[in-house]
Amino acid sequence: MKISHVPSRLAVATLAAVLPLTACSALGQGDESAGGSVVAAFYPLQYVAERVAGDRFEVTNLTQAGAEPHDLELTVKETAQVSDAALVVHERDFQAAVDAAVDQNATGEVLDVAESVELRPTAGGDRDDPHFWLDPLLMADLGDAVAERLGGIDPGAAESFTDNAAALRDDLESLDAEYAARLGDCARDVVVVNHDAFGYLAKYGLTLEPIVGLSPDAEPTPADLARLQELARDADLTTVFAETLVSRKTAETLADDLGLEVAVLDPIEGLSEETRGEDYASLMRSNLDALARANGCG
């Protein structure tokens, strides 16, 4: 897997030849109760958009269940959805194919999450960490931004969008409080994870130690593994966390070498075939349960 790659030029070129790029198409036709379509680049953005839009907009997720969002390539149909959308919600530099489709084909409003929420730096400090959705309060901030944009597109429903965003914030503040309460009194605070996707959980007093960096398919060096083995022994860890959508091999190897358990901590970048019936809130609570068990939290 690569964090960034060149999107399909054929899909974009074919679209340009066969698709009329008209702004009016973004508003949809036939259903006067709705304002058109919203395209979300990947699952957490879909969750927020659906909660805020209610039944006024149809929300489409470009990243299907079981797909790794970083690896996304768009078909002609999906690029057309970007073109037709009243609003596209994406995170620049997270999915190169979506960035290209937005730049070349979007005719409606575009909301770049990276400009709407306060991103934290990665552990290395060399770039912003894109995994903001693991902080529920930043998801609430995104909800406010989506409500503002949708209110501009569909002024008659602006109050409804604002109310929906407020209800979403209430739910997410409760989730944030659950994390703070359960992780506030733990026997251990070090968490070894598969890749550097969980840094936003540090706000709850955790020290996140990724096996590899932002790319979950990268390979750790022998020095990396030796450091983590020493850290795991010193911190009296019980668990190494693997994740969904990518291979568990590296996490399992490290755990086997140390005689530790392997558990799943879901980065919630997308839904897997196993979790497609879940939602953001239930997955976050599953993560909380896993962290509390592994770290001996009261």
C-alpha atoms as a PDB file:
ATOM      1  CA  MET A   1       0.000   0.000   0.000  1.00  0.00           C
ATOM      2  CA  LYS A   2       1.140   3.543  -0.748  1.00  0.00           C
ATOM      3  CA  ILE A   3      -0.064   6.673   0.999  1.00  0.00           C
ATOM      4  CA  SER A   4      -0.287   8.570  -2.270  1.00  0.00           C
ATOM      5  CA  HIS A   5      -0.377   7.549  -5.874  1.00  0.00           C
ATOM      6  CA  VAL A   6      -1.328   8.807  -9.319  1.00  0.00           C
ATOM      7  CA  PRO A   7      -5.073   8.534  -9.995  1.00  0.00           C
ATOM      8  CA  SER A   8      -6.441   6.912 -13.100  1.00  0.00           C
ATOM      9  CA  ARG A   9      -5.947   9.330 -15.984  1.00  0.00           C
ATOM     10  CA  LEU A  10      -8.211   7.212 -18.150  1.00  0.00           C
ATOM     11  CA  ALA A  11     -11.151   7.625 -15.799  1.00  0.00           C
ATOM     12  CA  VAL A  12     -10.733  11.384 -15.682  1.00  0.00           C
ATOM     13  CA  ALA A  13     -10.222  11.706 -19.428  1.00  0.00           C
ATOM     14  CA  THR A  14     -13.229   9.523 -20.213  1.00  0.00           C
ATOM     15  CA  LEU A  15     -15.373  11.530 -17.845  1.00  0.00           C
ATOM     16  CA  ALA A  16     -14.352  14.793 -19.453  1.00  0.00           C
ATOM     17  CA  ALA A  17     -15.404  13.431 -22.825  1.00  0.00           C
ATOM     18  CA  VAL A  18     -18.792  12.056 -21.853  1.00  0.00           C
ATOM     19  CA  LEU A  19     -19.999  14.056 -18.875  1.00  0.00           C
ATOM     20  CA  PRO A  20     -21.415  17.589 -19.017  1.00  0.00           C
ATOM     21  CA  LEU A  21     -19.937  19.390 -16.038  1.00  0.00           C
ATOM     22  CA  THR A  22     -22.874  21.578 -15.109  1.00  0.00           C
ATOM     23  CA  ALA A  23     -23.336  23.109 -11.703  1.00  0.00           C
ATOM     24  CA  CYS A  24     -27.094  22.790 -11.914  1.00  0.00           C
ATOM     25  CA  SER A  25     -26.825  18.982 -11.894  1.00  0.00           C
ATOM     26  CA  ALA A  26     -25.439  19.179  -8.366  1.00  0.00           C
ATOM     27  CA  LEU A  27     -28.837  20.221  -7.052  1.00  0.00           C
ATOM     28  CA  GLY A  28     -30.544  17.034  -8.206  1.00  0.00           C
ATOM     29  CA  GLN A  29     -33.929  16.718  -9.888  1.00  0.00           C
ATOM     30  CA  GLY A  30     -37.267  15.166  -9.121  1.00  0.00           C
ATOM     31  CA  ASP A  31     -37.167  15.123  -5.295  1.00  0.00           C
ATOM     32  CA  GLU A  32     -38.103  18.590  -4.074  1.00  0.00           C
ATOM     33  CA  SER A  33     -37.647  17.532  -0.436  1.00  0.00           C
ATOM     34  CA  ALA A  34     -33.904  17.094  -0.898  1.00  0.00           C
ATOM     35  CA  GLY A  35     -31.092  19.405  -1.895  1.00  0.00           C
ATOM     36  CA  GLY A  36     -29.181  16.917  -4.072  1.00  0.00           C
ATOM     37  CA  SER A  37     -26.245  14.696  -3.231  1.00  0.00           C
ATOM     38  CA  VAL A  38     -23.300  14.877  -0.872  1.00  0.00           C
ATOM     39  CA  VAL A  39     -20.182  12.859  -1.641  1.00  0.00           C
ATOM     40  CA  ALA A  40     -17.975  11.805   1.270  1.00  0.00           C
ATOM     41  CA  ALA A  41     -14.484  10.547   0.507  1.00  0.00           C
ATOM     42  CA  PHE A  42     -14.364   7.875   3.230  1.00  0.00           C
ATOM     43  CA  TYR A  43     -16.386   6.515   6.135  1.00  0.00           C
ATOM     44  CA  PRO A  44     -15.951   8.980   9.053  1.00  0.00           C
ATOM     45  CA  LEU A  45     -16.849  11.822   6.696  1.00  0.00           C
ATOM     46  CA  GLN A  46     -19.905   9.885   5.533  1.00  0.00           C
ATOM     47  CA  TYR A  47     -21.014   9.380   9.136  1.00  0.00           C
ATOM     48  CA  VAL A  48     -20.901  13.098   9.887  1.00  0.00           C
ATOM     49  CA  ALA A  49     -22.527  14.091   6.589  1.00  0.00           C
ATOM     50  CA  GLU A  50     -25.422  11.679   7.104  1.00  0.00           C
ATOM     51  CA  ARG A  51     -26.024  12.841  10.660  1.00  0.00           C
ATOM     52  CA  VAL A  52     -26.084  16.497   9.639  1.00  0.00           C
ATOM     53  CA  ALA A  53     -27.876  16.230   6.287  1.00  0.00           C
ATOM     54  CA  GLY A  54     -30.731  14.091   7.533  1.00  0.00           C
ATOM     55  CA  ASP A  55     -33.124  13.356   4.678  1.00  0.00           C
ATOM     56  CA  ARG A  56     -32.361  16.551   2.752  1.00  0.00           C
ATOM     57  CA  PHE A  57     -29.388  15.094   0.886  1.00  0.00           C
ATOM     58  CA  GLU A  58     -28.379  11.652  -0.305  1.00  0.00           C
ATOM     59  CA  VAL A  59     -24.882  10.882   0.994  1.00  0.00           C
ATOM     60  CA  THR A  60     -22.520   8.681  -1.023  1.00  0.00           C
ATOM     61  CA  ASN A  61     -19.258   7.210   0.269  1.00  0.00           C
ATOM     62  CA  LEU A  62     -16.540   6.821  -2.372  1.00  0.00           C
ATOM     63  CA  THR A  63     -14.711   4.164  -0.313  1.00  0.00           C
ATOM     64  CA  GLN A  64     -16.630   0.908  -0.212  1.00  0.00           C
ATOM     65  CA  ALA A  65     -16.698  -1.408   2.816  1.00  0.00           C
ATOM     66  CA  GLY A  66     -13.599  -3.592   2.880  1.00  0.00           C
ATOM     67  CA  ALA A  67     -11.464  -1.143   0.892  1.00  0.00           C
ATOM     68  CA  GLU A  68      -8.395   0.593   2.326  1.00  0.00           C
ATOM     69  CA  PRO A  69      -9.032   4.336   1.848  1.00  0.00           C
ATOM     70  CA  HIS A  70      -5.417   5.196   0.999  1.00  0.00           C
ATOM     71  CA  ASP A  71      -5.529   2.782  -1.958  1.00  0.00           C
ATOM     72  CA  LEU A  72      -8.690   4.210  -3.508  1.00  0.00           C
ATOM     73  CA  GLU A  73      -8.873   4.604  -7.279  1.00  0.00           C
ATOM     74  CA  LEU A  74     -12.029   6.122  -8.759  1.00  0.00           C
ATOM     75  CA  THR A  75     -14.106   4.688 -11.565  1.00  0.00           C
ATOM     76  CA  VAL A  76     -15.743   6.892 -14.184  1.00  0.00           C
ATOM     77  CA  LYS A  77     -19.041   6.524 -12.279  1.00  0.00           C
ATOM     78  CA  GLU A  78     -17.463   7.638  -9.009  1.00  0.00           C
ATOM     79  CA  THR A  79     -15.743  10.581 -10.677  1.00  0.00           C
ATOM     80  CA  ALA A  80     -19.138  11.550 -12.095  1.00  0.00           C
ATOM     81  CA  GLN A  81     -20.554  11.466  -8.569  1.00  0.00           C
ATOM     82  CA  VAL A  82     -17.883  13.966  -7.534  1.00  0.00           C
ATOM     83  CA  SER A  83     -18.844  16.171 -10.470  1.00  0.00           C
ATOM     84  CA  ASP A  84     -22.570  16.028  -9.759  1.00  0.00           C
ATOM     85  CA  ALA A  85     -22.404  16.530  -5.990  1.00  0.00           C
ATOM     86  CA  ALA A  86     -23.797  19.621  -4.347  1.00  0.00           C
ATOM     87  CA  LEU A  87     -21.059  19.145  -1.738  1.00  0.00           C
ATOM     88  CA  VAL A  88     -17.908  17.020  -1.657  1.00  0.00           C
ATOM     89  CA  VAL A  89     -16.373  16.385   1.774  1.00  0.00           C
ATOM     90  CA  HIS A  90     -12.784  15.134   1.615  1.00  0.00           C
ATOM     91  CA  GLU A  91      -9.432  15.426   3.368  1.00  0.00           C
ATOM     92  CA  ARG A  92      -6.660  16.716   1.135  1.00  0.00           C
ATOM     93  CA  ASP A  93      -3.480  14.634   0.995  1.00  0.00           C
ATOM     94  CA  PHE A  94      -5.244  11.569   2.419  1.00  0.00           C
ATOM     95  CA  GLN A  95      -6.544  10.116  -0.868  1.00  0.00           C
ATOM     96  CA  ALA A  96      -4.710  11.289  -3.980  1.00  0.00           C
ATOM     97  CA  ALA A  97      -7.376  10.040  -6.382  1.00  0.00           C
ATOM     98  CA  VAL A  98     -10.081  12.031  -4.617  1.00  0.00           C
ATOM     99  CA  ASP A  99      -7.912  15.151  -4.562  1.00  0.00           C
ATOM    100  CA  ALA A 100      -7.433  14.876  -8.321  1.00  0.00           C
ATOM    101  CA  ALA A 101     -11.135  14.316  -8.994  1.00  0.00           C
ATOM    102  CA  VAL A 102     -12.068  17.298  -6.831  1.00  0.00           C
ATOM    103  CA  ASP A 103      -9.533  19.555  -8.535  1.00  0.00           C
ATOM    104  CA  GLN A 104     -10.520  18.517 -12.049  1.00  0.00           C
ATOM    105  CA  ASN A 105     -14.230  17.752 -11.852  1.00  0.00           C
ATOM    106  CA  ALA A 106     -16.050  19.150  -8.811  1.00  0.00           C
ATOM    107  CA  THR A 107     -18.665  21.724  -9.788  1.00  0.00           C
ATOM    108  CA  GLY A 108     -20.418  22.158  -6.446  1.00  0.00           C
ATOM    109  CA  GLU A 109     -19.156  23.099  -3.003  1.00  0.00           C
ATOM    110  CA  VAL A 110     -16.010  21.434  -1.648  1.00  0.00           C
ATOM    111  CA  LEU A 111     -15.249  21.061   2.060  1.00  0.00           C
ATOM    112  CA  ASP A 112     -11.649  20.115   2.846  1.00  0.00           C
ATOM    113  CA  VAL A 113     -11.580  18.680   6.347  1.00  0.00           C
ATOM    114  CA  ALA A 114      -7.952  19.746   6.778  1.00  0.00           C
ATOM    115  CA  GLU A 115      -9.143  23.361   6.658  1.00  0.00           C
ATOM    116  CA  SER A 116     -12.106  22.816   8.997  1.00  0.00           C
ATOM    117  CA  VAL A 117     -10.653  20.991  12.016  1.00  0.00           C
ATOM    118  CA  GLU A 118      -7.450  21.490  13.984  1.00  0.00           C
ATOM    119  CA  LEU A 119      -5.109  18.653  13.030  1.00  0.00           C
ATOM    120  CA  ARG A 120      -2.320  17.575  15.383  1.00  0.00           C
ATOM    121  CA  PRO A 121       1.213  16.745  14.213  1.00  0.00           C
ATOM    122  CA  THR A 122       2.319  13.144  13.783  1.00  0.00           C
ATOM    123  CA  ALA A 123       4.660  11.534  16.287  1.00  0.00           C
ATOM    124  CA  GLY A 124       7.580  12.513  14.064  1.00  0.00           C
ATOM    125  CA  GLY A 125       6.320  16.084  13.867  1.00  0.00           C
ATOM    126  CA  ASP A 126       6.980  16.311  10.136  1.00  0.00           C
ATOM    127  CA  ARG A 127       3.348  16.550   8.971  1.00  0.00           C
ATOM    128  CA  ASP A 128      -0.226  16.768  10.210  1.00  0.00           C
ATOM    129  CA  ASP A 129      -1.871  13.567  11.389  1.00  0.00           C
ATOM    130  CA  PRO A 130      -4.949  13.027   9.190  1.00  0.00           C
ATOM    131  CA  HIS A 131      -6.734  10.646  11.594  1.00  0.00           C
ATOM    132  CA  PHE A 132      -8.663  13.413  13.372  1.00  0.00           C
ATOM    133  CA  TRP A 133     -11.860  11.348  13.692  1.00  0.00           C
ATOM    134  CA  LEU A 134     -10.402   9.413  16.625  1.00  0.00           C
ATOM    135  CA  ASP A 135     -11.035  12.584  18.633  1.00  0.00           C
ATOM    136  CA  PRO A 136     -14.845  12.831  18.956  1.00  0.00           C
ATOM    137  CA  LEU A 137     -14.717  16.578  19.561  1.00  0.00           C
ATOM    138  CA  LEU A 138     -12.982  17.153  16.230  1.00  0.00           C
ATOM    139  CA  MET A 139     -15.727  15.114  14.573  1.00  0.00           C
ATOM    140  CA  ALA A 140     -18.198  17.511  16.195  1.00  0.00           C
ATOM    141  CA  ASP A 141     -16.270  20.442  14.714  1.00  0.00           C
ATOM    142  CA  LEU A 142     -16.588  18.828  11.297  1.00  0.00           C
ATOM    143  CA  GLY A 143     -20.333  18.508  11.871  1.00  0.00           C
ATOM    144  CA  ASP A 144     -20.577  22.254  12.428  1.00  0.00           C
ATOM    145  CA  ALA A 145     -18.620  22.921   9.227  1.00  0.00           C
ATOM    146  CA  VAL A 146     -20.844  20.571   7.211  1.00  0.00           C
ATOM    147  CA  ALA A 147     -23.977  22.230   8.622  1.00  0.00           C
ATOM    148  CA  GLU A 148     -22.703  25.653   7.575  1.00  0.00           C
ATOM    149  CA  ARG A 149     -21.954  24.508   4.027  1.00  0.00           C
ATOM    150  CA  LEU A 150     -25.249  22.684   3.598  1.00  0.00           C
ATOM    151  CA  GLY A 151     -27.111  25.696   4.946  1.00  0.00           C
ATOM    152  CA  GLY A 152     -25.571  27.789   2.189  1.00  0.00           C
ATOM    153  CA  ILE A 153     -26.620  25.258  -0.443  1.00  0.00           C
ATOM    154  CA  ASP A 154     -30.128  24.697   0.955  1.00  0.00           C
ATOM    155  CA  PRO A 155     -31.031  27.818   3.003  1.00  0.00           C
ATOM    156  CA  GLY A 156     -34.563  26.619   3.676  1.00  0.00           C
ATOM    157  CA  ALA A 157     -33.194  23.735   5.736  1.00  0.00           C
ATOM    158  CA  ALA A 158     -30.320  25.626   7.386  1.00  0.00           C
ATOM    159  CA  GLU A 159     -31.918  25.517  10.830  1.00  0.00           C
ATOM    160  CA  SER A 160     -32.425  21.767  10.523  1.00  0.00           C
ATOM    161  CA  PHE A 161     -28.760  21.253   9.646  1.00  0.00           C
ATOM    162  CA  THR A 162     -27.694  23.362  12.620  1.00  0.00           C
ATOM    163  CA  ASP A 163     -29.969  21.373  14.936  1.00  0.00           C
ATOM    164  CA  ASN A 164     -28.640  18.084  13.561  1.00  0.00           C
ATOM    165  CA  ALA A 165     -25.052  19.225  14.095  1.00  0.00           C
ATOM    166  CA  ALA A 166     -25.886  20.227  17.664  1.00  0.00           C
ATOM    167  CA  ALA A 167     -27.411  16.797  18.343  1.00  0.00           C
ATOM    168  CA  LEU A 168     -24.323  15.172  16.859  1.00  0.00           C
ATOM    169  CA  ARG A 169     -22.093  17.289  19.092  1.00  0.00           C
ATOM    170  CA  ASP A 170     -24.077  16.206  22.157  1.00  0.00           C
ATOM    171  CA  ASP A 171     -23.528  12.549  21.251  1.00  0.00           C
ATOM    172  CA  LEU A 172     -19.835  13.051  20.551  1.00  0.00           C
ATOM    173  CA  GLU A 173     -19.244  14.999  23.756  1.00  0.00           C
ATOM    174  CA  SER A 174     -20.783  12.080  25.658  1.00  0.00           C
ATOM    175  CA  LEU A 175     -18.468   9.676  23.829  1.00  0.00           C
ATOM    176  CA  ASP A 176     -15.472  11.870  24.648  1.00  0.00           C
ATOM    177  CA  ALA A 177     -16.487  11.884  28.316  1.00  0.00           C
ATOM    178  CA  GLU A 178     -16.723   8.075  28.312  1.00  0.00           C
ATOM    179  CA  TYR A 179     -13.155   7.838  27.014  1.00  0.00           C
ATOM    180  CA  ALA A 180     -11.850  10.303  29.581  1.00  0.00           C
ATOM    181  CA  ALA A 181     -13.584   8.509  32.456  1.00  0.00           C
ATOM    182  CA  ARG A 182     -12.629   4.927  31.570  1.00  0.00           C
ATOM    183  CA  LEU A 183      -9.032   5.684  30.588  1.00  0.00           C
ATOM    184  CA  GLY A 184      -8.400   8.009  33.505  1.00  0.00           C
ATOM    185  CA  ASP A 185      -7.348   5.276  35.952  1.00  0.00           C
ATOM    186  CA  CYS A 186      -5.309   2.530  34.280  1.00  0.00           C
ATOM    187  CA  ALA A 187      -2.522   0.204  35.382  1.00  0.00           C
ATOM    188  CA  ARG A 188      -0.664   0.960  32.146  1.00  0.00           C
ATOM    189  CA  ASP A 189      -0.687   3.887  29.750  1.00  0.00           C
ATOM    190  CA  VAL A 190       1.516   2.586  26.897  1.00  0.00           C
ATOM    191  CA  VAL A 191      -0.254   1.190  23.824  1.00  0.00           C
ATOM    192  CA  VAL A 192       1.593  -0.563  20.974  1.00  0.00           C
ATOM    193  CA  VAL A 193      -0.364  -0.197  17.740  1.00  0.00           C
ATOM    194  CA  ASN A 194       0.156  -1.396  14.179  1.00  0.00           C
ATOM    195  CA  HIS A 195       0.721   2.019  12.586  1.00  0.00           C
ATOM    196  CA  ASP A 196       0.729   5.699  13.454  1.00  0.00           C
ATOM    197  CA  ALA A 197      -3.029   6.227  13.232  1.00  0.00           C
ATOM    198  CA  PHE A 198      -3.996   6.612  16.881  1.00  0.00           C
ATOM    199  CA  GLY A 199      -2.144   9.713  18.030  1.00  0.00           C
ATOM    200  CA  TYR A 200      -5.358  11.587  18.794  1.00  0.00           C
ATOM    201  CA  LEU A 201      -5.995   9.146  21.650  1.00  0.00           C
ATOM    202  CA  ALA A 202      -3.040  10.681  23.502  1.00  0.00           C
ATOM    203  CA  LYS A 203      -5.447  13.310  24.875  1.00  0.00           C
ATOM    204  CA  TYR A 204      -6.766  10.589  27.205  1.00  0.00           C
ATOM    205  CA  GLY A 205      -3.368  10.056  28.833  1.00  0.00           C
ATOM    206  CA  LEU A 206      -2.170   7.253  26.557  1.00  0.00           C
ATOM    207  CA  THR A 207       1.307   6.918  25.082  1.00  0.00           C
ATOM    208  CA  LEU A 208       0.908   5.502  21.579  1.00  0.00           C
ATOM    209  CA  GLU A 209       3.828   3.485  20.201  1.00  0.00           C
ATOM    210  CA  PRO A 210       3.328   2.581  16.523  1.00  0.00           C
ATOM    211  CA  ILE A 211       5.198  -0.354  15.003  1.00  0.00           C
ATOM    212  CA  VAL A 212       5.444   1.596  11.727  1.00  0.00           C
ATOM    213  CA  GLY A 213       4.600   5.120  10.585  1.00  0.00           C
ATOM    214  CA  LEU A 214       1.632   6.485   8.647  1.00  0.00           C
ATOM    215  CA  SER A 215       1.695   3.668   6.083  1.00  0.00           C
ATOM    216  CA  PRO A 216       0.211   0.541   7.701  1.00  0.00           C
ATOM    217  CA  ASP A 217       1.927  -1.725   5.166  1.00  0.00           C
ATOM    218  CA  ALA A 218       5.437  -0.444   5.869  1.00  0.00           C
ATOM    219  CA  GLU A 219       7.954  -2.864   7.373  1.00  0.00           C
ATOM    220  CA  PRO A 220       9.628  -2.130  10.719  1.00  0.00           C
ATOM    221  CA  THR A 221      13.403  -2.321  10.969  1.00  0.00           C
ATOM    222  CA  PRO A 222      15.113  -4.763  13.348  1.00  0.00           C
ATOM    223  CA  ALA A 223      16.008  -1.747  15.494  1.00  0.00           C
ATOM    224  CA  ASP A 224      12.333  -0.730  15.635  1.00  0.00           C
ATOM    225  CA  LEU A 225      11.304  -4.189  16.809  1.00  0.00           C
ATOM    226  CA  ALA A 226      14.092  -4.366  19.387  1.00  0.00           C
ATOM    227  CA  ARG A 227      13.030  -1.004  20.832  1.00  0.00           C
ATOM    228  CA  LEU A 228       9.390  -2.068  21.030  1.00  0.00           C
ATOM    229  CA  GLN A 229      10.285  -5.380  22.655  1.00  0.00           C
ATOM    230  CA  GLU A 230      12.238  -3.578  25.367  1.00  0.00           C
ATOM    231  CA  LEU A 231       9.451  -1.035  25.828  1.00  0.00           C
ATOM    232  CA  ALA A 232       6.791  -3.757  26.106  1.00  0.00           C
ATOM    233  CA  ARG A 233       8.753  -5.549  28.813  1.00  0.00           C
ATOM    234  CA  ASP A 234       9.468  -2.368  30.751  1.00  0.00           C
ATOM    235  CA  ALA A 235       5.814  -1.265  30.600  1.00  0.00           C
ATOM    236  CA  ASP A 236       4.525  -4.754  31.503  1.00  0.00           C
ATOM    237  CA  LEU A 237       2.247  -4.768  28.469  1.00  0.00           C
ATOM    238  CA  THR A 238      -0.296  -7.524  27.896  1.00  0.00           C
ATOM    239  CA  THR A 239      -1.368  -6.717  24.349  1.00  0.00           C
ATOM    240  CA  VAL A 240      -0.177  -5.670  20.909  1.00  0.00           C
ATOM    241  CA  PHE A 241      -2.881  -4.102  18.754  1.00  0.00           C
ATOM    242  CA  ALA A 242      -3.481  -5.094  15.152  1.00  0.00           C
ATOM    243  CA  GLU A 243      -6.149  -3.398  13.062  1.00  0.00           C
ATOM    244  CA  THR A 244      -8.786  -3.932  10.409  1.00  0.00           C
ATOM    245  CA  LEU A 245      -8.323  -3.609   6.621  1.00  0.00           C
ATOM    246  CA  VAL A 246      -4.571  -4.411   6.677  1.00  0.00           C
ATOM    247  CA  SER A 247      -2.388  -7.415   7.488  1.00  0.00           C
ATOM    248  CA  ARG A 248      -1.984  -8.444  11.142  1.00  0.00           C
ATOM    249  CA  LYS A 249       1.334 -10.188  10.439  1.00  0.00           C
ATOM    250  CA  THR A 250       3.731  -7.650  11.973  1.00  0.00           C
ATOM    251  CA  ALA A 251       1.654  -7.173  15.122  1.00  0.00           C
ATOM    252  CA  GLU A 252       1.265 -10.932  15.525  1.00  0.00           C
ATOM    253  CA  THR A 253       5.000 -11.529  15.088  1.00  0.00           C
ATOM    254  CA  LEU A 254       5.867  -8.949  17.739  1.00  0.00           C
ATOM    255  CA  ALA A 255       3.256 -10.341  20.127  1.00  0.00           C
ATOM    256  CA  ASP A 256       4.431 -13.928  19.596  1.00  0.00           C
ATOM    257  CA  ASP A 257       8.033 -12.962  20.336  1.00  0.00           C
ATOM    258  CA  LEU A 258       6.931 -11.430  23.641  1.00  0.00           C
ATOM    259  CA  GLY A 259       4.219 -13.907  24.598  1.00  0.00           C
ATOM    260  CA  LEU A 260       1.553 -11.185  24.457  1.00  0.00           C
ATOM    261  CA  GLU A 261      -2.026 -11.193  23.244  1.00  0.00           C
ATOM    262  CA  VAL A 262      -3.127  -9.664  19.948  1.00  0.00           C
ATOM    263  CA  ALA A 263      -6.281  -7.547  19.958  1.00  0.00           C
ATOM    264  CA  VAL A 264      -7.881  -5.301  17.357  1.00  0.00           C
ATOM    265  CA  LEU A 265      -7.894  -1.521  17.573  1.00  0.00           C
ATOM    266  CA  ASP A 266      -9.880  -0.174  14.645  1.00  0.00           C
ATOM    267  CA  PRO A 267      -8.536   3.042  13.072  1.00  0.00           C
ATOM    268  CA  ILE A 268     -12.060   3.507  11.625  1.00  0.00           C
ATOM    269  CA  GLU A 269     -10.682   4.724   8.312  1.00  0.00           C
ATOM    270  CA  GLY A 270     -13.367   2.597   6.702  1.00  0.00           C
ATOM    271  CA  LEU A 271     -15.745  -0.252   7.403  1.00  0.00           C
ATOM    272  CA  SER A 272     -14.581  -3.817   6.875  1.00  0.00           C
ATOM    273  CA  GLU A 273     -16.780  -6.689   5.739  1.00  0.00           C
ATOM    274  CA  GLU A 274     -17.013  -7.688   9.409  1.00  0.00           C
ATOM    275  CA  THR A 275     -17.910  -4.217  10.705  1.00  0.00           C
ATOM    276  CA  ARG A 276     -20.159  -2.967   7.912  1.00  0.00           C
ATOM    277  CA  GLY A 277     -23.160  -3.255  10.243  1.00  0.00           C
ATOM    278  CA  GLU A 278     -21.488  -1.024  12.841  1.00  0.00           C
ATOM    279  CA  ASP A 279     -21.203   2.751  12.925  1.00  0.00           C
ATOM    280  CA  TYR A 280     -18.631   5.275  14.120  1.00  0.00           C
ATOM    281  CA  ALA A 281     -19.948   5.433  17.683  1.00  0.00           C
ATOM    282  CA  SER A 282     -20.146   1.663  18.170  1.00  0.00           C
ATOM    283  CA  LEU A 283     -16.645   1.169  16.740  1.00  0.00           C
ATOM    284  CA  MET A 284     -15.235   3.860  19.011  1.00  0.00           C
ATOM    285  CA  ARG A 285     -16.822   2.138  22.005  1.00  0.00           C
ATOM    286  CA  SER A 286     -15.394  -1.218  20.900  1.00  0.00           C
ATOM    287  CA  ASN A 287     -11.974   0.433  20.777  1.00  0.00           C
ATOM    288  CA  LEU A 288     -12.542   1.847  24.251  1.00  0.00           C
ATOM    289  CA  ASP A 289     -13.402  -1.606  25.607  1.00  0.00           C
ATOM    290  CA  ALA A 290     -10.253  -3.069  24.034  1.00  0.00           C
ATOM    291  CA  LEU A 291      -8.029  -0.322  25.448  1.00  0.00           C
ATOM    292  CA  ALA A 292      -9.531  -0.617  28.921  1.00  0.00           C
ATOM    293  CA  ARG A 293      -9.008  -4.396  28.984  1.00  0.00           C
ATOM    294  CA  ALA A 294      -5.429  -4.222  27.710  1.00  0.00           C
ATOM    295  CA  ASN A 295      -4.348  -1.441  30.046  1.00  0.00           C
ATOM    296  CA  GLY A 296      -6.090  -2.617  33.193  1.00  0.00           C
ATOM    297  CA  CYS A 297      -8.339   0.406  33.491  1.00  0.00           C
ATOM    298  CA  GLY A 298     -10.720   0.692  36.397  1.00  0.00           C
END
